[in-house]
Protein backbone atom coordinates (compact mmCIF):
# COMPACT_ATOMS: atom_id res chain seq x y z
CA UNK A 1 97.79 97.06 80.12
CA UNK A 2 99.41 98.00 76.57
CA UNK A 3 102.91 98.05 76.63
CA UNK A 4 102.95 101.51 75.41
CA UNK A 5 101.08 102.70 78.17
CA UNK A 6 102.74 100.42 80.66
CA UNK A 7 106.51 101.61 79.23
CA UNK A 8 104.97 105.87 80.24
CA UNK A 9 104.15 104.68 83.36
CA UNK A 10 106.80 102.78 84.32
CA UNK A 11 109.18 105.34 82.75
CA UNK A 12 107.61 108.04 84.74
CA UNK A 13 107.22 106.43 87.60
CA UNK A 14 110.69 105.55 88.31
CA UNK A 15 111.76 109.68 87.74
CA UNK A 16 111.26 109.83 91.32
CA UNK A 17 112.02 113.49 90.66
CA UNK A 18 111.32 115.94 94.15
CA UNK A 19 107.78 117.19 94.64
CA UNK A 20 107.29 120.85 96.46
CA UNK A 21 108.43 120.94 99.82
CA UNK A 22 106.64 120.28 102.69
CA UNK A 23 106.61 122.74 106.20
CA UNK A 24 108.71 121.71 108.35
CA UNK A 25 112.84 120.84 109.11
CA UNK A 26 114.49 121.99 106.02
CA UNK A 27 114.12 118.94 103.23
CA UNK A 28 117.45 116.68 102.86
CA UNK A 29 119.09 117.44 99.37
CA UNK A 30 117.98 115.25 96.88
CA UNK A 31 120.78 113.05 95.45
CA UNK A 32 118.87 111.88 92.35
CA UNK A 33 120.54 113.52 89.61
CA UNK A 34 118.96 113.40 85.95
CA UNK A 35 120.52 113.70 83.04
CA UNK A 36 119.48 115.82 80.09
CA UNK A 37 118.47 112.60 77.64
CA UNK A 38 116.52 110.80 80.62
CA UNK A 39 114.64 114.32 81.38
CA UNK A 40 113.65 114.53 77.81
CA UNK A 41 112.40 110.42 77.81
CA UNK A 42 110.43 111.85 81.27
CA UNK A 43 108.73 114.79 79.53
CA UNK A 44 108.13 112.40 76.73
CA UNK A 45 106.50 109.96 78.94
CA UNK A 46 104.30 112.33 80.69
CA UNK A 47 103.19 113.74 77.49
CA UNK A 48 102.30 110.78 76.32
CA UNK A 49 100.30 109.87 79.64
CA UNK A 50 98.34 113.28 79.38
CA UNK A 51 97.42 112.27 75.94
CA UNK A 52 95.34 109.24 76.50
CA UNK A 53 93.59 110.61 79.59
CA UNK A 54 89.96 110.47 78.77
CA UNK A 55 87.26 113.28 79.13
CA UNK A 56 86.40 111.92 82.49
CA UNK A 57 89.61 112.68 83.88
CA UNK A 58 90.52 108.54 83.98
CA UNK A 59 93.14 106.93 82.49
CA UNK A 60 92.52 103.37 80.61
CA UNK A 61 90.22 104.13 77.62
CA UNK A 62 90.77 101.26 75.31
CA UNK A 63 90.02 97.49 75.64
CA UNK A 64 91.08 95.92 79.08
CA UNK A 65 92.21 98.66 80.77
CA UNK A 66 88.33 100.02 80.23
CA UNK A 67 87.40 97.21 83.29
CA UNK A 68 90.47 98.73 85.29
CA UNK A 69 90.19 102.71 84.76
CA UNK A 70 90.72 103.12 88.88
CA UNK A 71 93.81 101.25 88.68
CA UNK A 72 95.03 102.46 85.54
CA UNK A 73 94.29 106.19 86.50
CA UNK A 74 96.14 105.63 90.39
CA UNK A 75 99.00 104.40 88.83
CA UNK A 76 99.38 107.21 86.14
CA UNK A 77 98.58 110.02 89.35
CA UNK A 78 101.52 108.82 90.67
CA UNK A 79 103.77 108.66 87.94
CA UNK A 80 102.73 112.47 87.98
CA UNK A 81 103.32 113.08 90.91
CA UNK A 82 107.23 111.19 90.87
CA UNK A 83 107.41 113.72 88.42
CA UNK A 84 106.58 116.50 90.97
CA UNK A 85 103.20 117.29 88.97
CA UNK A 86 100.19 117.81 91.96
CA UNK A 87 96.77 119.21 91.60
CA UNK A 88 97.17 122.72 89.80
CA UNK A 89 100.94 122.76 89.93
CA UNK A 90 103.10 121.89 86.77
CA UNK A 91 102.99 121.63 83.57
CA UNK A 92 100.16 118.62 84.19
CA UNK A 93 98.02 119.86 86.97
CA UNK A 94 95.44 120.67 85.34
CA UNK A 95 95.27 116.37 84.62
CA UNK A 96 96.75 115.53 88.24
CA UNK A 97 93.42 117.53 89.32
CA UNK A 98 90.83 115.64 87.13
CA UNK A 99 92.20 112.08 87.82
CA UNK A 100 92.27 113.30 91.16
CA UNK A 101 88.85 114.06 91.03
CA UNK A 102 87.87 110.78 88.83
CA UNK A 103 89.00 109.03 91.66
CA UNK A 104 86.84 110.88 94.19
CA UNK A 105 83.82 110.18 92.01
CA UNK A 106 84.51 106.61 92.09
CA UNK A 107 83.99 106.34 95.78
CA UNK A 108 80.83 105.30 97.02
CA UNK A 109 78.92 105.81 100.17
CA UNK A 110 80.40 102.87 101.82
CA UNK A 111 83.97 103.64 100.99
CA UNK A 112 84.76 101.11 97.70
CA UNK A 113 85.86 102.52 95.03
CA UNK A 114 83.70 100.77 91.83
CA UNK A 115 81.45 97.69 92.69
CA UNK A 116 81.81 94.88 94.70
CA UNK A 117 80.72 92.44 92.41
CA UNK A 118 84.04 92.66 90.50
CA UNK A 119 86.07 89.79 91.92
CA UNK A 120 88.97 92.58 92.00
CA UNK A 121 87.62 95.55 93.52
CA UNK A 122 90.19 95.61 96.65
CA UNK A 123 92.68 95.45 93.64
CA UNK A 124 92.24 98.97 92.61
CA UNK A 125 90.80 99.78 96.00
CA UNK A 126 93.99 99.50 97.49
CA UNK A 127 96.23 101.03 94.61
CA UNK A 128 93.36 104.05 94.63
CA UNK A 129 94.00 104.62 97.60
CA UNK A 130 97.63 105.26 98.28
CA UNK A 131 97.30 107.54 95.12
CA UNK A 132 94.36 109.79 96.98
CA UNK A 133 96.77 109.20 100.26
CA UNK A 134 99.71 110.67 98.22
CA UNK A 135 97.86 113.73 97.24
CA UNK A 136 96.35 114.46 99.96
CA UNK A 137 99.58 114.06 101.68
CA UNK A 138 101.20 116.49 99.65
CA UNK A 139 98.39 119.05 99.54
CA UNK A 140 96.30 118.32 102.81
CA UNK A 141 93.22 119.36 100.41
CA UNK A 142 89.73 120.18 102.30
CA UNK A 143 87.82 118.81 99.35
CA UNK A 144 89.50 115.14 99.91
CA UNK A 145 89.10 114.89 103.39
CA UNK A 146 85.46 113.60 103.71
CA UNK A 147 85.66 111.82 100.72
CA UNK A 148 89.42 110.47 102.24
CA UNK A 149 87.63 109.66 105.18
CA UNK A 150 85.45 107.08 103.56
CA UNK A 151 87.87 104.89 102.09
CA UNK A 152 90.25 104.69 104.99
CA UNK A 153 87.35 103.59 107.40
CA UNK A 154 86.45 100.96 104.98
CA UNK A 155 90.23 100.02 105.32
CA UNK A 156 90.66 100.15 109.13
CA UNK A 157 87.48 98.10 109.69
CA UNK A 158 88.35 95.20 107.33
């Protein structure tokens, strides 16, 4: 991953800003405080990441990244989620929706992301599964459920 993309992913993910509240007991008070300067860096990193999204909804459209678009997209979605961006919500909700749909579209009928002929397909599979599980946990999106069942069933049977 090129240094600017890696740095933007790291900064955005490290932010760990709170996401929307879940039903149930009241959420704990967030003790993480982000000063104005750090907040501007996070916003800049998210803007940079959004600008690098491809028309397919994926990230990782150049060089070696192209061979790992599933993993790069999953990591990028986690960065957006850590900053409170969810599908259809927040300044980058459309980007998150497109990235989520890209990952869902990459799941084959057997539950594998991409091709089994790629020597590192389980790496991408694991990272994408984490990103989609986080999105499902935060949104309970009914459109995610059928595809999510495929990749979780594969993981449980492995």
